[in-house]
């Protein structure tokens, strides 16, 4: 898009020559290889794939968790997380290219994993608490806190492992850095 605009701006200042028969010959720049259509098609395909991934993930969550409130909560994380990623990318000047969108697709899996593990543990603890006698029942906040602390170490380790494994990508320079940094970000 920017290259085509620049060509239009420059075309007025390109040299011209008046031929012997009176016609004017204007020098023009003709793009030899235009990838705009290919890039737009690829981004469209990736956008469609991301949308389908979110929908399929929501269905899997509903089937696996089998608790409507928890499924809605986990599914609600996906668009919020993607919105936060795009906001951060805008703030830090990271282009939303094909590689960055692929990174988002990978991250959706991690978000869902964490959400399912945490929700399932909370649901299990709440069910166990309901089976207790009225005198032994704990307050809901305490049960949720206990369930969360039980799996928080494992979740933190899993997420940190993923984050740490991408840190070397930020040290790449040149073409490799330009290509893979958006994925790691």
Protein backbone atom coordinates (compact mmCIF):
# COMPACT_ATOMS: atom_id res chain seq x y z
CA UNK A 1 0.00 0.00 0.00
CA UNK A 2 2.71 2.53 0.98
CA UNK A 3 4.92 1.57 -1.99
CA UNK A 4 2.06 2.19 -4.45
CA UNK A 5 1.37 5.61 -2.87
CA UNK A 6 5.07 6.53 -3.12
CA UNK A 7 5.13 5.51 -6.81
CA UNK A 8 2.14 7.80 -7.45
CA UNK A 9 3.89 10.68 -5.65
CA UNK A 10 7.11 10.16 -7.63
CA UNK A 11 5.47 9.67 -11.04
CA UNK A 12 4.76 13.39 -11.47
CA UNK A 13 8.46 14.22 -11.14
CA UNK A 14 9.76 11.53 -13.50
CA UNK A 15 11.39 12.77 -16.72
CA UNK A 16 9.43 13.02 -19.94
CA UNK A 17 10.56 13.51 -23.53
CA UNK A 18 8.77 15.16 -26.45
CA UNK A 19 9.21 12.92 -29.49
CA UNK A 20 9.78 14.18 -33.07
CA UNK A 21 6.16 13.48 -34.05
CA UNK A 22 4.88 15.66 -31.15
CA UNK A 23 3.87 12.92 -28.74
CA UNK A 24 5.14 13.01 -25.13
CA UNK A 25 6.89 9.94 -23.75
CA UNK A 26 6.60 9.75 -19.95
CA UNK A 27 8.87 7.55 -17.84
CA UNK A 28 6.72 5.32 -15.60
CA UNK A 29 7.41 2.83 -12.84
CA UNK A 30 5.65 -0.49 -13.33
CA UNK A 31 5.65 -2.95 -10.40
CA UNK A 32 7.29 -6.18 -11.49
CA UNK A 33 6.17 -8.39 -8.61
CA UNK A 34 3.16 -7.35 -6.48
CA UNK A 35 2.47 -9.57 -3.44
CA UNK A 36 -0.41 -7.47 -2.06
CA UNK A 37 -3.09 -9.94 -3.16
CA UNK A 38 -1.13 -12.94 -1.84
CA UNK A 39 -0.55 -11.26 1.55
CA UNK A 40 -4.20 -10.20 1.88
CA UNK A 41 -5.34 -13.71 0.96
CA UNK A 42 -2.95 -15.27 3.50
CA UNK A 43 -4.04 -12.86 6.25
CA UNK A 44 -7.68 -13.63 5.42
CA UNK A 45 -6.99 -17.36 5.66
CA UNK A 46 -5.16 -16.92 8.97
CA UNK A 47 -7.94 -14.70 10.33
CA UNK A 48 -10.49 -17.37 9.37
CA UNK A 49 -8.30 -20.06 10.97
CA UNK A 50 -8.06 -18.02 14.21
CA UNK A 51 -11.84 -17.54 14.28
CA UNK A 52 -12.43 -21.26 13.70
CA UNK A 53 -9.83 -22.10 16.37
CA UNK A 54 -11.68 -19.93 18.90
CA UNK A 55 -15.05 -21.52 18.00
CA UNK A 56 -13.70 -25.08 18.11
CA UNK A 57 -11.90 -24.32 21.38
CA UNK A 58 -15.15 -23.03 22.90
CA UNK A 59 -16.94 -26.25 21.85
CA UNK A 60 -14.13 -28.38 23.29
CA UNK A 61 -14.26 -26.41 26.54
CA UNK A 62 -18.02 -26.91 26.84
CA UNK A 63 -17.70 -30.66 26.20
CA UNK A 64 -14.63 -31.20 28.41
CA UNK A 65 -15.55 -29.00 31.38
CA UNK A 66 -19.27 -29.84 31.16
CA UNK A 67 -20.11 -26.81 33.29
CA UNK A 68 -21.79 -23.95 31.44
CA UNK A 69 -20.63 -21.13 33.76
CA UNK A 70 -17.01 -22.31 33.73
CA UNK A 71 -17.13 -22.81 29.94
CA UNK A 72 -18.42 -19.26 29.41
CA UNK A 73 -15.73 -17.90 31.73
CA UNK A 74 -12.88 -19.74 29.97
CA UNK A 75 -14.29 -18.91 26.51
CA UNK A 76 -14.62 -15.26 27.52
CA UNK A 77 -10.88 -15.18 28.23
CA UNK A 78 -10.03 -15.81 24.57
CA UNK A 79 -11.34 -12.61 22.94
CA UNK A 80 -10.18 -10.52 25.92
CA UNK A 81 -6.67 -12.02 25.74
CA UNK A 82 -6.45 -11.51 21.95
CA UNK A 83 -7.64 -7.89 22.36
CA UNK A 84 -4.99 -7.31 25.04
CA UNK A 85 -2.32 -8.79 22.74
CA UNK A 86 -3.30 -6.50 19.86
CA UNK A 87 -3.31 -3.51 22.23
CA UNK A 88 0.18 -4.40 23.50
CA UNK A 89 1.39 -4.94 19.91
CA UNK A 90 0.12 -1.46 18.98
CA UNK A 91 1.80 0.12 22.03
CA UNK A 92 5.15 -1.58 21.38
CA UNK A 93 5.03 -1.12 17.60
CA UNK A 94 4.94 -4.83 16.70
CA UNK A 95 3.44 -5.45 13.25
CA UNK A 96 0.42 -7.74 13.06
CA UNK A 97 1.99 -9.90 10.38
CA UNK A 98 1.46 -13.57 9.59
CA UNK A 99 4.12 -14.71 12.07
CA UNK A 100 2.62 -12.63 14.92
CA UNK A 101 -0.87 -13.98 14.20
CA UNK A 102 0.57 -17.51 14.25
CA UNK A 103 2.01 -16.75 17.69
CA UNK A 104 -1.45 -15.69 18.87
CA UNK A 105 -2.87 -18.98 17.57
CA UNK A 106 -0.25 -20.87 19.61
CA UNK A 107 -0.95 -18.75 22.71
CA UNK A 108 -4.69 -19.50 22.56
CA UNK A 109 -3.88 -23.13 23.34
CA UNK A 110 -1.90 -22.14 26.44
CA UNK A 111 -4.65 -19.80 27.65
CA UNK A 112 -7.24 -22.55 27.31
CA UNK A 113 -5.00 -25.10 29.06
CA UNK A 114 -4.55 -22.81 32.04
CA UNK A 115 -8.26 -21.94 32.14
CA UNK A 116 -9.40 -25.57 31.98
CA UNK A 117 -6.93 -26.78 34.64
CA UNK A 118 -7.84 -23.99 37.05
CA UNK A 119 -11.61 -24.23 36.47
CA UNK A 120 -11.73 -28.01 36.74
CA UNK A 121 -9.84 -27.94 40.03
CA UNK A 122 -12.13 -25.24 41.45
CA UNK A 123 -15.26 -27.16 40.32
CA UNK A 124 -13.93 -30.39 41.89
CA UNK A 125 -13.20 -28.63 45.20
CA UNK A 126 -16.63 -26.96 45.21
CA UNK A 127 -18.32 -30.34 44.60
CA UNK A 128 -16.30 -31.96 47.40
CA UNK A 129 -17.20 -29.08 49.72
CA UNK A 130 -20.93 -29.55 48.97
CA UNK A 131 -20.67 -33.20 50.05
CA UNK A 132 -19.33 -32.19 53.46
CA UNK A 133 -21.68 -31.89 56.41
CA UNK A 134 -23.10 -28.40 57.11
CA UNK A 135 -20.69 -27.91 60.03
CA UNK A 136 -17.59 -28.87 57.99
CA UNK A 137 -18.36 -26.76 54.90
CA UNK A 138 -15.88 -24.03 54.08
CA UNK A 139 -16.84 -20.61 52.65
CA UNK A 140 -16.83 -20.52 48.83
CA UNK A 141 -13.97 -17.99 48.73
CA UNK A 142 -11.80 -20.28 50.88
CA UNK A 143 -12.56 -23.30 48.65
CA UNK A 144 -11.68 -21.32 45.50
CA UNK A 145 -8.48 -19.99 47.12
CA UNK A 146 -7.44 -23.52 48.19
CA UNK A 147 -8.21 -24.96 44.74
CA UNK A 148 -6.25 -22.17 43.02
CA UNK A 149 -3.18 -22.45 45.27
CA UNK A 150 -3.16 -26.22 44.71
CA UNK A 151 -2.52 -25.86 40.96
CA UNK A 152 -0.98 -22.37 40.80
CA UNK A 153 2.61 -23.66 41.09
CA UNK A 154 2.17 -26.07 38.18
CA UNK A 155 0.41 -23.45 36.05
CA UNK A 156 3.07 -20.82 36.78
CA UNK A 157 5.84 -23.29 35.92
CA UNK A 158 4.14 -24.26 32.64
CA UNK A 159 3.60 -20.64 31.55
CA UNK A 160 7.10 -19.52 32.62
CA UNK A 161 8.64 -22.43 30.70
CA UNK A 162 6.89 -21.23 27.54
CA UNK A 163 7.90 -17.60 28.12
CA UNK A 164 11.54 -18.48 28.93
CA UNK A 165 11.82 -20.71 25.84
CA UNK A 166 11.04 -17.67 23.64
CA UNK A 167 13.56 -15.30 25.27
CA UNK A 168 16.46 -16.40 22.96
CA UNK A 169 14.31 -15.41 19.95
CA UNK A 170 14.45 -11.77 21.12
CA UNK A 171 18.26 -11.86 20.77
CA UNK A 172 18.10 -12.74 17.06
CA UNK A 173 19.37 -10.01 14.75
CA UNK A 174 18.98 -9.32 11.06
CA UNK A 175 16.33 -11.00 8.92
CA UNK A 176 15.81 -13.82 11.43
CA UNK A 177 15.08 -11.32 14.20
CA UNK A 178 12.63 -9.38 12.03
CA UNK A 179 10.85 -12.59 11.08
CA UNK A 180 10.62 -14.37 14.45
CA UNK A 181 10.49 -11.54 17.02
CA UNK A 182 6.76 -10.89 16.41
CA UNK A 183 6.09 -14.61 17.04
CA UNK A 184 7.95 -14.53 20.35
CA UNK A 185 6.29 -11.25 21.36
